[in-house]
N, C-alpha and C. Protein backbone atom coordinates (compact mmCIF):
# COMPACT_ATOMS: atom_id res chain seq x y z
N CYS A 1 81.46 86.87 92.86
CA CYS A 1 80.10 87.38 93.10
C CYS A 1 79.97 88.80 93.34
N LEU A 2 81.16 89.58 93.52
CA LEU A 2 81.09 91.02 93.72
C LEU A 2 81.22 91.76 92.40
N THR A 3 81.55 91.04 91.32
CA THR A 3 81.60 91.75 90.04
C THR A 3 80.35 92.47 89.60
N GLY A 4 80.51 93.76 89.36
CA GLY A 4 79.44 94.55 88.96
C GLY A 4 78.48 95.12 90.03
N CYS A 5 78.73 94.84 91.30
CA CYS A 5 77.95 95.30 92.34
C CYS A 5 77.91 96.80 92.45
N HIS A 6 76.81 97.43 92.83
CA HIS A 6 76.67 98.77 93.04
C HIS A 6 76.57 99.18 94.54
N LEU A 7 76.31 98.21 95.29
CA LEU A 7 76.18 98.38 96.68
C LEU A 7 76.62 97.08 97.38
N VAL A 8 77.54 97.19 98.38
CA VAL A 8 77.91 96.01 99.08
C VAL A 8 77.81 96.35 100.58
N LEU A 9 76.98 95.62 101.29
CA LEU A 9 76.79 95.71 102.69
C LEU A 9 77.91 94.77 103.48
N VAL A 10 78.49 95.33 104.33
CA VAL A 10 79.64 94.54 104.98
C VAL A 10 79.29 94.40 106.47
N PRO A 11 78.48 93.31 106.82
CA PRO A 11 78.21 93.17 108.27
C PRO A 11 79.28 92.05 108.74
N ALA A 12 80.41 92.61 109.20
CA ALA A 12 81.51 91.75 109.45
C ALA A 12 82.06 91.96 110.90
N GLY A 13 82.81 90.96 111.38
CA GLY A 13 83.40 91.25 112.61
C GLY A 13 82.86 90.45 113.77
N VAL A 14 83.47 90.70 114.95
CA VAL A 14 82.91 90.03 116.17
C VAL A 14 82.47 91.03 117.09
N PRO A 15 81.58 90.71 118.02
CA PRO A 15 81.14 91.72 119.00
C PRO A 15 82.22 91.90 120.07
N ARG A 16 82.18 93.00 120.79
CA ARG A 16 83.11 93.29 121.86
C ARG A 16 82.84 92.28 122.91
N LYS A 17 83.82 91.62 123.47
CA LYS A 17 83.71 90.70 124.64
C LYS A 17 84.00 91.34 125.87
N PRO A 18 83.55 90.80 127.05
CA PRO A 18 83.92 91.51 128.31
C PRO A 18 85.51 91.58 128.52
N GLY A 19 85.87 92.78 128.88
CA GLY A 19 87.38 92.88 129.10
C GLY A 19 88.11 93.36 127.82
N MET A 20 87.41 93.25 126.68
CA MET A 20 88.08 93.65 125.37
C MET A 20 87.95 95.12 125.23
N SER A 21 89.11 95.68 124.90
CA SER A 21 89.17 97.21 124.63
C SER A 21 88.61 97.46 123.27
N ARG A 22 88.36 98.80 123.00
CA ARG A 22 88.00 99.22 121.66
C ARG A 22 89.11 98.97 120.70
N ASP A 23 90.37 99.07 121.19
CA ASP A 23 91.52 98.97 120.29
C ASP A 23 91.65 97.48 119.88
N ASP A 24 91.43 96.54 120.85
CA ASP A 24 91.40 95.02 120.51
C ASP A 24 90.28 94.83 119.56
N LEU A 25 89.24 95.38 119.73
CA LEU A 25 88.08 95.18 118.81
C LEU A 25 88.34 95.70 117.41
N PHE A 26 88.98 96.93 117.37
CA PHE A 26 89.38 97.42 116.13
C PHE A 26 90.38 96.55 115.37
N LYS A 27 91.43 96.08 115.98
CA LYS A 27 92.39 95.26 115.41
C LYS A 27 91.73 94.01 114.82
N THR A 28 90.92 93.40 115.55
CA THR A 28 90.27 92.15 115.00
C THR A 28 89.31 92.45 113.83
N ASN A 29 88.39 93.38 114.05
CA ASN A 29 87.35 93.69 113.12
C ASN A 29 87.91 94.39 111.79
N ALA A 30 88.91 95.29 112.00
CA ALA A 30 89.50 95.98 110.87
C ALA A 30 90.18 94.94 109.95
N GLY A 31 90.81 93.88 110.57
CA GLY A 31 91.48 92.86 109.77
C GLY A 31 90.46 92.10 108.95
N ILE A 32 89.24 91.78 109.56
CA ILE A 32 88.31 91.05 108.81
C ILE A 32 87.72 91.90 107.70
N ALA A 33 87.45 93.23 108.01
CA ALA A 33 86.82 94.12 107.08
C ALA A 33 87.86 94.44 105.86
N LYS A 34 89.12 94.46 106.16
CA LYS A 34 90.12 94.77 105.19
C LYS A 34 90.08 93.75 104.01
N GLY A 35 89.92 92.53 104.34
CA GLY A 35 89.79 91.43 103.20
C GLY A 35 88.73 91.72 102.31
N ILE A 36 87.59 92.03 102.93
CA ILE A 36 86.28 92.27 102.10
C ILE A 36 86.48 93.57 101.27
N VAL A 37 87.00 94.60 101.84
CA VAL A 37 87.18 95.83 101.18
C VAL A 37 88.20 95.77 100.06
N GLU A 38 89.19 94.98 100.29
CA GLU A 38 90.22 94.74 99.21
C GLU A 38 89.56 94.00 98.06
N ALA A 39 88.74 92.98 98.35
CA ALA A 39 88.01 92.27 97.31
C ALA A 39 87.09 93.16 96.52
N CYS A 40 86.33 94.11 97.17
CA CYS A 40 85.52 95.06 96.57
C CYS A 40 86.30 96.00 95.65
N ALA A 41 87.38 96.38 96.15
CA ALA A 41 88.39 97.30 95.34
C ALA A 41 88.73 96.71 94.11
N LYS A 42 88.90 95.37 94.08
CA LYS A 42 89.32 94.61 92.88
C LYS A 42 88.17 94.38 92.03
N TYR A 43 87.04 93.86 92.48
CA TYR A 43 85.90 93.44 91.68
C TYR A 43 84.80 94.33 91.44
N CYS A 44 84.68 95.31 92.34
CA CYS A 44 83.49 96.26 92.12
C CYS A 44 83.99 97.62 92.69
N PRO A 45 84.97 98.27 92.08
CA PRO A 45 85.60 99.45 92.61
C PRO A 45 84.73 100.69 92.73
N THR A 46 83.56 100.73 92.01
CA THR A 46 82.79 101.91 91.98
C THR A 46 81.52 101.63 92.90
N ALA A 47 81.48 100.54 93.46
CA ALA A 47 80.35 100.30 94.45
C ALA A 47 80.47 101.04 95.79
N VAL A 48 79.36 101.42 96.36
CA VAL A 48 79.25 101.96 97.70
C VAL A 48 79.37 100.81 98.71
N LEU A 49 80.27 100.93 99.69
CA LEU A 49 80.37 99.89 100.70
C LEU A 49 79.83 100.41 101.93
N GLY A 50 78.73 99.66 102.45
CA GLY A 50 78.10 100.04 103.63
C GLY A 50 78.80 99.15 104.83
N MET A 51 79.61 99.88 105.68
CA MET A 51 80.32 99.09 106.71
C MET A 51 79.40 99.01 108.00
N ILE A 52 79.10 97.82 108.30
CA ILE A 52 78.40 97.41 109.59
C ILE A 52 79.37 96.75 110.49
N VAL A 53 80.35 97.38 110.81
CA VAL A 53 81.50 96.79 111.57
C VAL A 53 81.97 97.74 112.67
N ASN A 54 82.01 97.13 113.90
CA ASN A 54 82.47 98.00 115.03
C ASN A 54 83.88 97.85 115.32
N PRO A 55 84.50 98.91 115.86
CA PRO A 55 84.01 100.18 116.08
C PRO A 55 83.97 100.98 114.75
N VAL A 56 82.69 101.26 114.35
CA VAL A 56 82.49 101.91 112.99
C VAL A 56 83.21 103.24 112.93
N ASN A 57 83.37 104.02 114.00
CA ASN A 57 84.12 105.24 113.92
C ASN A 57 85.58 105.21 113.54
N SER A 58 86.09 103.92 113.77
CA SER A 58 87.58 103.74 113.46
C SER A 58 87.67 102.97 112.13
N VAL A 59 86.81 101.97 111.99
CA VAL A 59 86.96 101.09 110.82
C VAL A 59 86.66 101.76 109.54
N VAL A 60 85.66 102.72 109.52
CA VAL A 60 85.25 103.41 108.23
C VAL A 60 86.51 104.28 107.74
N PRO A 61 87.08 105.13 108.59
CA PRO A 61 88.22 105.91 108.13
C PRO A 61 89.31 105.02 107.77
N ALA A 62 89.54 103.95 108.35
CA ALA A 62 90.77 103.09 107.99
C ALA A 62 90.46 102.46 106.70
N MET A 63 89.31 102.04 106.39
CA MET A 63 88.99 101.46 105.05
C MET A 63 88.98 102.51 103.92
N ALA A 64 88.51 103.70 104.28
CA ALA A 64 88.52 104.87 103.36
C ALA A 64 89.93 105.13 102.92
N GLU A 65 90.86 105.17 103.91
CA GLU A 65 92.36 105.25 103.61
C GLU A 65 92.87 104.16 102.72
N LEU A 66 92.44 103.00 102.94
CA LEU A 66 92.81 101.78 102.08
C LEU A 66 92.37 102.12 100.55
N TYR A 67 91.12 102.63 100.43
CA TYR A 67 90.64 102.95 99.17
C TYR A 67 91.41 104.10 98.39
N LYS A 68 91.66 105.07 99.28
CA LYS A 68 92.39 106.26 98.80
C LYS A 68 93.81 105.80 98.29
N LYS A 69 94.51 104.95 99.12
CA LYS A 69 95.80 104.44 98.59
C LYS A 69 95.83 103.59 97.36
N LYS A 70 94.59 103.06 96.95
CA LYS A 70 94.40 102.27 95.81
C LYS A 70 93.89 103.18 94.65
N GLY A 71 93.79 104.47 94.89
CA GLY A 71 93.29 105.46 93.94
C GLY A 71 91.88 105.47 93.70
N LEU A 72 91.12 104.88 94.65
CA LEU A 72 89.68 104.82 94.59
C LEU A 72 88.93 105.90 95.46
N ASP A 73 87.72 106.12 95.22
CA ASP A 73 86.98 107.19 95.89
C ASP A 73 86.74 106.76 97.32
N PRO A 74 87.36 107.37 98.28
CA PRO A 74 87.21 107.05 99.77
C PRO A 74 85.77 107.34 100.23
N MET A 75 85.11 108.21 99.52
CA MET A 75 83.62 108.61 99.96
C MET A 75 82.72 107.47 99.58
N LYS A 76 83.22 106.40 98.92
CA LYS A 76 82.36 105.23 98.68
C LYS A 76 82.18 104.40 99.86
N ILE A 77 83.06 104.67 101.03
CA ILE A 77 83.01 103.84 102.22
C ILE A 77 82.20 104.54 103.30
N VAL A 78 81.03 103.97 103.70
CA VAL A 78 80.19 104.63 104.61
C VAL A 78 79.87 103.72 105.75
N GLY A 79 79.69 104.31 106.96
CA GLY A 79 79.24 103.55 108.13
C GLY A 79 77.85 103.50 108.29
N ILE A 80 77.37 102.31 108.78
CA ILE A 80 75.98 102.17 109.03
C ILE A 80 75.77 101.70 110.46
N THR A 81 74.94 102.38 111.25
CA THR A 81 74.69 101.91 112.64
C THR A 81 73.22 102.30 112.96
N THR A 82 72.41 101.47 113.58
CA THR A 82 71.17 101.91 114.10
C THR A 82 71.14 101.75 115.64
N LEU A 83 72.25 101.32 116.18
CA LEU A 83 72.43 100.99 117.65
C LEU A 83 71.98 102.13 118.48
N ASP A 84 72.56 103.42 118.10
CA ASP A 84 72.22 104.66 118.92
C ASP A 84 70.72 105.09 118.77
N VAL A 85 70.16 104.84 117.56
CA VAL A 85 68.75 105.12 117.38
C VAL A 85 67.87 104.27 118.34
N VAL A 86 68.22 102.84 118.42
CA VAL A 86 67.48 101.98 119.24
C VAL A 86 67.69 102.46 120.71
N ARG A 87 68.84 102.85 121.08
CA ARG A 87 69.17 103.26 122.43
C ARG A 87 68.29 104.47 122.86
N ALA A 88 68.32 105.49 121.93
CA ALA A 88 67.65 106.80 122.09
C ALA A 88 66.08 106.39 122.26
N ASN A 89 65.54 105.56 121.35
CA ASN A 89 64.15 105.25 121.41
C ASN A 89 63.76 104.56 122.73
N LYS A 90 64.71 103.60 123.11
CA LYS A 90 64.43 103.01 124.43
C LYS A 90 64.43 103.87 125.61
N PHE A 91 65.44 104.80 125.66
CA PHE A 91 65.36 105.78 126.78
C PHE A 91 64.23 106.69 126.83
N VAL A 92 63.86 107.21 125.68
CA VAL A 92 62.61 108.09 125.57
C VAL A 92 61.42 107.23 126.02
N GLY A 93 61.39 105.97 125.58
CA GLY A 93 60.25 105.17 126.10
C GLY A 93 60.17 104.99 127.52
N GLU A 94 61.41 104.76 128.16
CA GLU A 94 61.39 104.71 129.64
C GLU A 94 61.00 105.97 130.36
N ILE A 95 61.37 107.07 129.78
CA ILE A 95 60.97 108.43 130.38
C ILE A 95 59.56 108.76 130.30
N THR A 96 58.99 108.46 129.04
CA THR A 96 57.57 108.79 128.79
C THR A 96 56.60 107.74 129.05
N GLY A 97 57.04 106.45 129.23
CA GLY A 97 56.15 105.36 129.45
C GLY A 97 55.61 104.94 128.14
N LYS A 98 56.02 105.37 127.10
CA LYS A 98 55.55 104.88 125.77
C LYS A 98 56.33 103.82 125.09
N ASN A 99 55.80 103.04 124.24
CA ASN A 99 56.39 101.89 123.55
C ASN A 99 57.43 102.40 122.70
N PRO A 100 58.81 102.03 122.92
CA PRO A 100 59.77 102.39 122.01
C PRO A 100 59.68 102.00 120.56
N ASN A 101 58.86 101.12 120.26
CA ASN A 101 58.61 100.58 118.89
C ASN A 101 57.97 101.66 118.06
N PHE A 102 57.37 102.65 118.79
CA PHE A 102 56.60 103.70 118.08
C PHE A 102 57.31 105.05 118.19
N ILE A 103 58.52 104.96 118.67
CA ILE A 103 59.38 106.25 118.81
C ILE A 103 60.44 106.10 117.78
N ASN A 104 60.86 107.16 117.11
CA ASN A 104 61.86 107.27 116.08
C ASN A 104 62.67 108.49 116.21
N ILE A 105 63.70 108.36 117.07
CA ILE A 105 64.67 109.51 117.19
C ILE A 105 65.82 109.42 116.21
N PRO A 106 65.89 110.44 115.33
CA PRO A 106 67.00 110.49 114.40
C PRO A 106 68.31 110.73 115.12
N VAL A 107 69.31 110.02 114.80
CA VAL A 107 70.68 110.23 115.49
C VAL A 107 71.64 110.47 114.33
N PHE A 108 72.37 111.64 114.52
CA PHE A 108 73.33 112.04 113.46
C PHE A 108 74.74 111.92 114.17
N GLY A 109 75.75 112.03 113.27
CA GLY A 109 77.06 112.07 113.73
C GLY A 109 77.75 110.61 113.75
N GLY A 110 78.69 110.52 114.67
CA GLY A 110 79.38 109.30 114.81
C GLY A 110 78.77 108.26 115.69
N HIS A 111 79.66 107.41 116.21
CA HIS A 111 79.09 106.27 117.12
C HIS A 111 80.01 106.19 118.35
N ALA A 112 80.47 107.34 118.89
CA ALA A 112 81.21 107.32 120.10
C ALA A 112 81.06 108.63 120.81
N GLY A 113 80.68 108.59 122.10
CA GLY A 113 80.58 109.75 122.96
C GLY A 113 79.90 110.92 122.36
N SER A 114 80.50 112.14 122.45
CA SER A 114 79.81 113.33 122.05
C SER A 114 79.58 113.46 120.52
N THR A 115 80.21 112.50 119.77
CA THR A 115 79.86 112.53 118.30
C THR A 115 78.50 112.10 117.93
N ILE A 116 77.77 111.49 118.97
CA ILE A 116 76.49 110.97 118.82
C ILE A 116 75.50 112.09 119.11
N VAL A 117 74.67 112.46 118.14
CA VAL A 117 73.79 113.55 118.39
C VAL A 117 72.37 113.17 118.09
N PRO A 118 71.61 112.78 119.21
CA PRO A 118 70.11 112.48 119.11
C PRO A 118 69.42 113.73 118.81
N ILE A 119 68.35 113.72 117.96
CA ILE A 119 67.58 114.91 117.65
C ILE A 119 66.25 114.60 118.25
N PHE A 120 65.99 114.80 119.52
CA PHE A 120 64.80 114.44 120.19
C PHE A 120 63.65 115.33 119.66
N SER A 121 63.83 116.56 119.22
CA SER A 121 62.69 117.35 118.82
C SER A 121 62.03 116.91 117.58
N GLN A 122 62.62 115.88 116.84
CA GLN A 122 62.04 115.47 115.53
C GLN A 122 61.13 114.21 115.83
N ASP A 123 60.86 113.83 117.03
CA ASP A 123 59.90 112.79 117.34
C ASP A 123 58.88 113.41 118.21
N LYS A 124 57.60 113.04 117.97
CA LYS A 124 56.50 113.74 118.62
C LYS A 124 56.40 113.23 120.11
N VAL A 125 56.81 112.06 120.35
CA VAL A 125 56.83 111.53 121.80
C VAL A 125 57.96 112.16 122.54
N ALA A 126 59.13 112.24 121.98
CA ALA A 126 60.27 112.77 122.64
C ALA A 126 60.12 114.38 122.78
N ALA A 127 59.45 114.99 121.85
CA ALA A 127 59.30 116.40 121.92
C ALA A 127 58.53 116.88 123.16
N THR A 128 57.82 115.89 123.85
CA THR A 128 57.00 116.26 124.90
C THR A 128 57.88 116.18 126.25
N ILE A 129 59.18 115.71 126.17
CA ILE A 129 60.01 115.77 127.27
C ILE A 129 60.48 117.13 127.61
N GLU A 130 60.43 117.47 128.82
CA GLU A 130 60.82 118.90 129.34
C GLU A 130 62.26 119.20 128.92
N ALA A 131 62.42 120.41 128.39
CA ALA A 131 63.71 120.89 127.78
C ALA A 131 64.80 120.68 128.75
N ASP A 132 64.66 120.89 130.07
CA ASP A 132 65.74 120.80 130.90
C ASP A 132 66.29 119.44 131.14
N LYS A 133 65.52 118.36 130.66
CA LYS A 133 66.00 116.98 130.80
C LYS A 133 66.68 116.49 129.56
N ILE A 134 66.67 117.30 128.55
CA ILE A 134 67.26 116.84 127.23
C ILE A 134 68.84 116.71 127.36
N PRO A 135 69.56 117.54 128.05
CA PRO A 135 70.99 117.53 128.06
C PRO A 135 71.42 116.21 128.79
N ASP A 136 70.74 115.84 129.90
CA ASP A 136 71.04 114.53 130.50
C ASP A 136 70.79 113.29 129.74
N LEU A 137 69.60 113.42 128.95
CA LEU A 137 69.22 112.37 127.96
C LEU A 137 70.23 112.28 126.90
N ASP A 138 70.74 113.43 126.34
CA ASP A 138 71.88 113.38 125.39
C ASP A 138 73.03 112.58 125.82
N THR A 139 73.42 112.92 127.06
CA THR A 139 74.53 112.35 127.70
C THR A 139 74.38 110.78 127.89
N HIS A 140 73.14 110.39 128.30
CA HIS A 140 72.70 109.01 128.52
C HIS A 140 72.94 108.26 127.28
N VAL A 141 72.42 108.86 126.12
CA VAL A 141 72.60 108.01 124.81
C VAL A 141 74.00 108.05 124.45
N GLN A 142 74.70 109.10 124.58
CA GLN A 142 76.14 109.17 124.14
C GLN A 142 76.99 108.25 125.01
N ASN A 143 76.72 107.99 126.16
CA ASN A 143 77.58 107.14 127.07
C ASN A 143 77.00 105.77 127.27
N ALA A 144 75.88 105.37 126.54
CA ALA A 144 75.38 104.09 126.77
C ALA A 144 76.17 102.95 126.35
N GLY A 145 77.07 103.00 125.40
CA GLY A 145 77.87 101.95 124.91
C GLY A 145 79.28 101.87 125.62
N THR A 146 79.53 102.71 126.58
CA THR A 146 80.82 102.70 127.06
C THR A 146 80.93 101.85 128.40
């Protein structure tokens, strides 16, 4: 069923359980993702693969390397996460007293620590937050998943 696909979304893996390290999570979920990525390499090698697999910062580069070793375009492997957007929206809602469903903070970068870059100035609700509170809010979003 993958033959001829142009886009394959890969929502695979297990959530991190209490006491489970990110390394343990990677070993489990990368193994699951690898099987799917190998099937895509065989049946739809030109498709873009949207990886929704945690830890996305580790799984995406590993799967891109797998594609590269097969002579395929590693740029076809991309990570997808909205978790940091949801967190940023929630935290802005808490600070401003506004409904986070109507807040939309774009978040760029990765999905771990300082690689997470929320752009609060791009949302009209978040833009009302005092500038001196933004560095702590950045840190709060960056560290929320640890």
